[in-house]
Amino acid sequence: MIREPAEAIVSEAGVVNIPLGVLAEAGLSPGTAVLIHSDGDGRIVVRRHEDAIRDLLENGSL
Protein backbone atom coordinates (compact mmCIF):
# COMPACT_ATOMS: atom_id res chain seq x y z
CA MET A 1 0.00 0.00 0.00
CA ILE A 2 1.39 3.42 -0.94
CA ARG A 3 0.78 6.07 1.69
CA GLU A 4 0.98 9.85 1.47
CA PRO A 5 4.67 10.82 1.26
CA ALA A 6 6.30 13.17 3.75
CA GLU A 7 9.08 15.54 2.76
CA ALA A 8 12.46 15.57 4.45
CA ILE A 9 15.73 17.35 3.69
CA VAL A 10 19.21 15.81 3.72
CA SER A 11 21.36 18.06 5.92
CA GLU A 12 24.92 19.12 5.13
CA ALA A 13 26.03 16.35 7.53
CA GLY A 14 24.00 13.77 5.58
CA VAL A 15 21.32 13.46 8.27
CA VAL A 16 17.66 12.91 7.40
CA ASN A 17 14.96 13.19 10.06
CA ILE A 18 12.17 10.73 9.32
CA PRO A 19 8.76 12.03 10.43
CA LEU A 20 7.22 10.11 13.34
CA GLY A 21 4.09 9.32 11.30
CA VAL A 22 6.18 7.55 8.66
CA LEU A 23 8.06 5.62 11.34
CA ALA A 24 4.81 4.60 13.00
CA GLU A 25 3.31 3.40 9.70
CA ALA A 26 6.43 1.29 9.16
CA GLY A 27 6.19 -0.16 12.67
CA LEU A 28 9.37 1.59 13.82
CA SER A 29 9.74 3.59 17.00
CA PRO A 30 12.56 5.79 18.28
CA GLY A 31 15.40 3.57 19.45
CA THR A 32 14.65 0.71 17.01
CA ALA A 33 17.83 -0.75 15.50
CA VAL A 34 17.71 -0.61 11.69
CA LEU A 35 19.87 -1.57 8.73
CA ILE A 36 20.06 0.86 5.84
CA HIS A 37 21.20 0.24 2.28
CA SER A 38 20.93 1.83 -1.14
CA ASP A 39 18.54 0.20 -3.58
CA GLY A 40 19.85 2.34 -6.42
CA ASP A 41 17.93 4.87 -8.49
CA GLY A 42 17.58 7.32 -5.57
CA ARG A 43 16.13 4.77 -3.14
CA ILE A 44 17.25 3.98 0.38
CA VAL A 45 15.84 0.97 2.23
CA VAL A 46 15.45 1.05 6.01
CA ARG A 47 14.64 -2.26 7.71
CA ARG A 48 14.36 -3.38 11.30
CA HIS A 49 17.65 -5.05 12.18
CA GLU A 50 15.87 -8.18 13.45
CA ASP A 51 13.79 -8.52 10.25
CA ALA A 52 16.80 -8.08 7.96
CA ILE A 53 18.86 -10.63 9.89
CA ARG A 54 15.98 -13.13 9.91
CA ASP A 55 15.52 -12.76 6.14
CA LEU A 56 19.26 -13.14 5.60
CA LEU A 57 19.30 -16.37 7.61
CA GLU A 58 16.15 -17.76 5.96
CA ASN A 59 16.62 -16.60 2.37
CA GLY A 60 20.23 -15.55 2.04
CA SER A 61 19.27 -11.98 1.12
CA LEU A 62 18.34 -8.73 2.82
PDB file of N, CA and C in Angstrom:
ATOM      1  N   MET A   1       0.844  -1.172   0.000  1.00  0.00           N
ATOM      2  CA  MET A   1       0.000   0.000   0.000  1.00  0.00           C
ATOM      3  C   MET A   1       0.896   1.244   0.000  1.00  0.00           C
ATOM      4  N   ILE A   2       0.634   2.184  -0.883  1.00  0.00           N
ATOM      5  CA  ILE A   2       1.392   3.424  -0.940  1.00  0.00           C
ATOM      6  C   ILE A   2       0.659   4.477  -0.114  1.00  0.00           C
ATOM      7  N   ARG A   3       1.360   5.047   0.832  1.00  0.00           N
ATOM      8  CA  ARG A   3       0.785   6.068   1.692  1.00  0.00           C
ATOM      9  C   ARG A   3       1.231   7.452   1.228  1.00  0.00           C
ATOM     10  N   GLU A   4       0.630   8.467   1.786  1.00  0.00           N
ATOM     11  CA  GLU A   4       0.983   9.847   1.466  1.00  0.00           C
ATOM     12  C   GLU A   4       2.441  10.105   1.858  1.00  0.00           C
ATOM     13  N   PRO A   5       3.257  10.593   0.934  1.00  0.00           N
ATOM     14  CA  PRO A   5       4.665  10.823   1.265  1.00  0.00           C
ATOM     15  C   PRO A   5       4.846  12.031   2.182  1.00  0.00           C
ATOM     16  N   ALA A   6       5.919  12.038   2.918  1.00  0.00           N
ATOM     17  CA  ALA A   6       6.295  13.173   3.753  1.00  0.00           C
ATOM     18  C   ALA A   6       7.638  13.676   3.236  1.00  0.00           C
ATOM     19  N   GLU A   7       7.840  14.967   3.263  1.00  0.00           N
ATOM     20  CA  GLU A   7       9.078  15.536   2.759  1.00  0.00           C
ATOM     21  C   GLU A   7      10.102  15.658   3.872  1.00  0.00           C
ATOM     22  N   ALA A   8      11.350  15.394   3.527  1.00  0.00           N
ATOM     23  CA  ALA A   8      12.460  15.573   4.451  1.00  0.00           C
ATOM     24  C   ALA A   8      13.632  16.126   3.650  1.00  0.00           C
ATOM     25  N   ILE A   9      14.561  16.752   4.322  1.00  0.00           N
ATOM     26  CA  ILE A   9      15.731  17.353   3.691  1.00  0.00           C
ATOM     27  C   ILE A   9      16.985  16.661   4.224  1.00  0.00           C
ATOM     28  N   VAL A  10      17.912  16.352   3.312  1.00  0.00           N
ATOM     29  CA  VAL A  10      19.205  15.808   3.720  1.00  0.00           C
ATOM     30  C   VAL A  10      20.068  16.997   4.158  1.00  0.00           C
ATOM     31  N   SER A  11      20.553  16.960   5.396  1.00  0.00           N
ATOM     32  CA  SER A  11      21.361  18.063   5.920  1.00  0.00           C
ATOM     33  C   SER A  11      22.770  18.019   5.335  1.00  0.00           C
ATOM     34  N   GLU A  12      23.524  19.069   5.581  1.00  0.00           N
ATOM     35  CA  GLU A  12      24.923  19.124   5.133  1.00  0.00           C
ATOM     36  C   GLU A  12      25.726  17.955   5.704  1.00  0.00           C
ATOM     37  N   ALA A  13      25.340  17.469   6.882  1.00  0.00           N
ATOM     38  CA  ALA A  13      26.030  16.350   7.527  1.00  0.00           C
ATOM     39  C   ALA A  13      25.518  15.000   7.030  1.00  0.00           C
ATOM     40  N   GLY A  14      24.539  15.016   6.096  1.00  0.00           N
ATOM     41  CA  GLY A  14      23.996  13.767   5.578  1.00  0.00           C
ATOM     42  C   GLY A  14      22.906  13.157   6.443  1.00  0.00           C
ATOM     43  N   VAL A  15      22.343  13.947   7.344  1.00  0.00           N
ATOM     44  CA  VAL A  15      21.323  13.462   8.268  1.00  0.00           C
ATOM     45  C   VAL A  15      19.933  13.745   7.701  1.00  0.00           C
ATOM     46  N   VAL A  16      19.053  12.749   7.796  1.00  0.00           N
ATOM     47  CA  VAL A  16      17.657  12.914   7.397  1.00  0.00           C
ATOM     48  C   VAL A  16      16.789  12.564   8.598  1.00  0.00           C
ATOM     49  N   ASN A  17      15.914  13.473   8.986  1.00  0.00           N
ATOM     50  CA  ASN A  17      14.962  13.195  10.065  1.00  0.00           C
ATOM     51  C   ASN A  17      13.702  12.614   9.439  1.00  0.00           C
ATOM     52  N   ILE A  18      13.359  11.400   9.840  1.00  0.00           N
ATOM     53  CA  ILE A  18      12.172  10.732   9.319  1.00  0.00           C
ATOM     54  C   ILE A  18      10.986  11.108  10.207  1.00  0.00           C
ATOM     55  N   PRO A  19       9.916  11.632   9.622  1.00  0.00           N
ATOM     56  CA  PRO A  19       8.758  12.026  10.425  1.00  0.00           C
ATOM     57  C   PRO A  19       8.197  10.850  11.235  1.00  0.00           C
ATOM     58  N   LEU A  20       7.746  11.148  12.446  1.00  0.00           N
ATOM     59  CA  LEU A  20       7.221  10.110  13.336  1.00  0.00           C
ATOM     60  C   LEU A  20       6.061   9.338  12.718  1.00  0.00           C
ATOM     61  N   GLY A  21       5.210  10.002  11.946  1.00  0.00           N
ATOM     62  CA  GLY A  21       4.093   9.316  11.302  1.00  0.00           C
ATOM     63  C   GLY A  21       4.562   8.248  10.338  1.00  0.00           C
ATOM     64  N   VAL A  22       5.623   8.530   9.593  1.00  0.00           N
ATOM     65  CA  VAL A  22       6.180   7.547   8.656  1.00  0.00           C
ATOM     66  C   VAL A  22       6.773   6.376   9.431  1.00  0.00           C
ATOM     67  N   LEU A  23       7.495   6.693  10.500  1.00  0.00           N
ATOM     68  CA  LEU A  23       8.061   5.625  11.336  1.00  0.00           C
ATOM     69  C   LEU A  23       6.958   4.740  11.916  1.00  0.00           C
ATOM     70  N   ALA A  24       5.913   5.361  12.404  1.00  0.00           N
ATOM     71  CA  ALA A  24       4.806   4.604  13.002  1.00  0.00           C
ATOM     72  C   ALA A  24       4.143   3.701  11.971  1.00  0.00           C
ATOM     73  N   GLU A  25       3.915   4.215  10.750  1.00  0.00           N
ATOM     74  CA  GLU A  25       3.310   3.398   9.700  1.00  0.00           C
ATOM     75  C   GLU A  25       4.184   2.198   9.352  1.00  0.00           C
ATOM     76  N   ALA A  26       5.501   2.373   9.482  1.00  0.00           N
ATOM     77  CA  ALA A  26       6.432   1.291   9.165  1.00  0.00           C
ATOM     78  C   ALA A  26       6.638   0.354  10.351  1.00  0.00           C
ATOM     79  N   GLY A  27       6.026   0.672  11.481  1.00  0.00           N
ATOM     80  CA  GLY A  27       6.188  -0.162  12.666  1.00  0.00           C
ATOM     81  C   GLY A  27       7.510   0.068  13.369  1.00  0.00           C
ATOM     82  N   LEU A  28       8.100   1.250  13.174  1.00  0.00           N
ATOM     83  CA  LEU A  28       9.367   1.593  13.817  1.00  0.00           C
ATOM     84  C   LEU A  28       9.114   2.654  14.873  1.00  0.00           C
ATOM     85  N   SER A  29       9.852   2.582  15.954  1.00  0.00           N
ATOM     86  CA  SER A  29       9.739   3.591  16.997  1.00  0.00           C
ATOM     87  C   SER A  29      11.138   4.101  17.314  1.00  0.00           C
ATOM     88  N   PRO A  30      11.244   5.285  17.912  1.00  0.00           N
ATOM     89  CA  PRO A  30      12.564   5.788  18.281  1.00  0.00           C
ATOM     90  C   PRO A  30      13.324   4.751  19.103  1.00  0.00           C
ATOM     91  N   GLY A  31      14.573   4.542  18.750  1.00  0.00           N
ATOM     92  CA  GLY A  31      15.401   3.565  19.445  1.00  0.00           C
ATOM     93  C   GLY A  31      15.461   2.208  18.771  1.00  0.00           C
ATOM     94  N   THR A  32      14.629   1.979  17.746  1.00  0.00           N
ATOM     95  CA  THR A  32      14.647   0.712  17.015  1.00  0.00           C
ATOM     96  C   THR A  32      15.930   0.606  16.196  1.00  0.00           C
ATOM     97  N   ALA A  33      16.621  -0.518  16.298  1.00  0.00           N
ATOM     98  CA  ALA A  33      17.826  -0.747  15.496  1.00  0.00           C
ATOM     99  C   ALA A  33      17.412  -1.068  14.065  1.00  0.00           C
ATOM    100  N   VAL A  34      18.035  -0.397  13.087  1.00  0.00           N
ATOM    101  CA  VAL A  34      17.708  -0.609  11.687  1.00  0.00           C
ATOM    102  C   VAL A  34      18.979  -0.820  10.872  1.00  0.00           C
ATOM    103  N   LEU A  35      18.815  -1.472   9.735  1.00  0.00           N
ATOM    104  CA  LEU A  35      19.868  -1.574   8.725  1.00  0.00           C
ATOM    105  C   LEU A  35      19.425  -0.728   7.544  1.00  0.00           C
ATOM    106  N   ILE A  36      20.364  -0.035   6.945  1.00  0.00           N
ATOM    107  CA  ILE A  36      20.060   0.865   5.841  1.00  0.00           C
ATOM    108  C   ILE A  36      20.974   0.524   4.680  1.00  0.00           C
ATOM    109  N   HIS A  37      20.371   0.452   3.469  1.00  0.00           N
ATOM    110  CA  HIS A  37      21.202   0.245   2.279  1.00  0.00           C
ATOM    111  C   HIS A  37      20.569   0.940   1.088  1.00  0.00           C
ATOM    112  N   SER A  38      21.405   1.219   0.094  1.00  0.00           N
ATOM    113  CA  SER A  38      20.928   1.835  -1.135  1.00  0.00           C
ATOM    114  C   SER A  38      20.310   0.764  -2.009  1.00  0.00           C
ATOM    115  N   ASP A  39      19.194   1.098  -2.631  1.00  0.00           N
ATOM    116  CA  ASP A  39      18.536   0.200  -3.577  1.00  0.00           C
ATOM    117  C   ASP A  39      18.678   0.764  -4.990  1.00  0.00           C
ATOM    118  N   GLY A  40      19.606   1.709  -5.132  1.00  0.00           N
ATOM    119  CA  GLY A  40      19.850   2.337  -6.425  1.00  0.00           C
ATOM    120  C   GLY A  40      18.732   3.276  -6.823  1.00  0.00           C
ATOM    121  N   ASP A  41      18.945   4.006  -7.902  1.00  0.00           N
ATOM    122  CA  ASP A  41      17.925   4.872  -8.486  1.00  0.00           C
ATOM    123  C   ASP A  41      17.282   5.807  -7.464  1.00  0.00           C
ATOM    124  N   GLY A  42      18.095   6.350  -6.537  1.00  0.00           N
ATOM    125  CA  GLY A  42      17.580   7.317  -5.571  1.00  0.00           C
ATOM    126  C   GLY A  42      16.801   6.723  -4.419  1.00  0.00           C
ATOM    127  N   ARG A  43      16.889   5.419  -4.220  1.00  0.00           N
ATOM    128  CA  ARG A  43      16.131   4.772  -3.141  1.00  0.00           C
ATOM    129  C   ARG A  43      17.055   4.317  -2.016  1.00  0.00           C
ATOM    130  N   ILE A  44      16.559   4.477  -0.810  1.00  0.00           N
ATOM    131  CA  ILE A  44      17.248   3.977   0.377  1.00  0.00           C
ATOM    132  C   ILE A  44      16.258   3.103   1.127  1.00  0.00           C
ATOM    133  N   VAL A  45      16.694   1.915   1.510  1.00  0.00           N
ATOM    134  CA  VAL A  45      15.838   0.966   2.225  1.00  0.00           C
ATOM    135  C   VAL A  45      16.237   0.973   3.698  1.00  0.00           C
ATOM    136  N   VAL A  46      15.251   1.101   4.554  1.00  0.00           N
ATOM    137  CA  VAL A  46      15.452   1.054   6.005  1.00  0.00           C
ATOM    138  C   VAL A  46      14.651  -0.123   6.524  1.00  0.00           C
ATOM    139  N   ARG A  47      15.333  -1.067   7.182  1.00  0.00           N
ATOM    140  CA  ARG A  47      14.645  -2.256   7.710  1.00  0.00           C
ATOM    141  C   ARG A  47      15.015  -2.473   9.160  1.00  0.00           C
ATOM    142  N   ARG A  48      14.044  -2.986   9.919  1.00  0.00           N
ATOM    143  CA  ARG A  48      14.360  -3.376  11.295  1.00  0.00           C
ATOM    144  C   ARG A  48      15.513  -4.372  11.246  1.00  0.00           C
ATOM    145  N   HIS A  49      16.471  -4.176  12.117  1.00  0.00           N
ATOM    146  CA  HIS A  49      17.645  -5.048  12.178  1.00  0.00           C
ATOM    147  C   HIS A  49      17.221  -6.510  12.303  1.00  0.00           C
ATOM    148  N   GLU A  50      16.286  -6.787  13.216  1.00  0.00           N
ATOM    149  CA  GLU A  50      15.866  -8.177  13.452  1.00  0.00           C
ATOM    150  C   GLU A  50      15.212  -8.789  12.211  1.00  0.00           C
ATOM    151  N   ASP A  51      14.431  -8.006  11.461  1.00  0.00           N
ATOM    152  CA  ASP A  51      13.789  -8.523  10.245  1.00  0.00           C
ATOM    153  C   ASP A  51      14.819  -8.812   9.163  1.00  0.00           C
ATOM    154  N   ALA A  52      15.776  -7.903   8.991  1.00  0.00           N
ATOM    155  CA  ALA A  52      16.799  -8.081   7.963  1.00  0.00           C
ATOM    156  C   ALA A  52      17.663  -9.303   8.264  1.00  0.00           C
ATOM    157  N   ILE A  53      18.043  -9.479   9.518  1.00  0.00           N
ATOM    158  CA  ILE A  53      18.863 -10.631   9.892  1.00  0.00           C
ATOM    159  C   ILE A  53      18.084 -11.926   9.701  1.00  0.00           C
ATOM    160  N   ARG A  54      16.804 -11.933  10.092  1.00  0.00           N
ATOM    161  CA  ARG A  54      15.978 -13.129   9.908  1.00  0.00           C
ATOM    162  C   ARG A  54      15.880 -13.485   8.429  1.00  0.00           C
ATOM    163  N   ASP A  55      15.619 -12.497   7.574  1.00  0.00           N
ATOM    164  CA  ASP A  55      15.519 -12.756   6.140  1.00  0.00           C
ATOM    165  C   ASP A  55      16.831 -13.257   5.575  1.00  0.00           C
ATOM    166  N   LEU A  56      17.942 -12.696   6.052  1.00  0.00           N
ATOM    167  CA  LEU A  56      19.257 -13.139   5.595  1.00  0.00           C
ATOM    168  C   LEU A  56      19.482 -14.605   5.956  1.00  0.00           C
ATOM    169  N   LEU A  57      19.126 -14.983   7.181  1.00  0.00           N
ATOM    170  CA  LEU A  57      19.301 -16.372   7.613  1.00  0.00           C
ATOM    171  C   LEU A  57      18.383 -17.326   6.883  1.00  0.00           C
ATOM    172  N   GLU A  58      17.133 -16.898   6.619  1.00  0.00           N
ATOM    173  CA  GLU A  58      16.148 -17.761   5.964  1.00  0.00           C
ATOM    174  C   GLU A  58      16.323 -17.826   4.455  1.00  0.00           C
ATOM    175  N   ASN A  59      16.621 -16.682   3.835  1.00  0.00           N
ATOM    176  CA  ASN A  59      16.623 -16.603   2.372  1.00  0.00           C
ATOM    177  C   ASN A  59      17.969 -16.287   1.754  1.00  0.00           C
ATOM    178  N   GLY A  60      18.926 -15.914   2.568  1.00  0.00           N
ATOM    179  CA  GLY A  60      20.227 -15.553   2.042  1.00  0.00           C
ATOM    180  C   GLY A  60      20.290 -14.170   1.430  1.00  0.00           C
ATOM    181  N   SER A  61      19.245 -13.345   1.649  1.00  0.00           N
ATOM    182  CA  SER A  61      19.268 -11.983   1.115  1.00  0.00           C
ATOM    183  C   SER A  61      18.564 -11.035   2.073  1.00  0.00           C
ATOM    184  N   LEU A  62      18.974  -9.756   1.996  1.00  0.00           N
ATOM    185  CA  LEU A  62      18.339  -8.726   2.820  1.00  0.00           C
ATOM    186  C   LEU A  62      17.105  -8.245   2.110  1.00  0.00           C
TER     187      LEU A  62
END
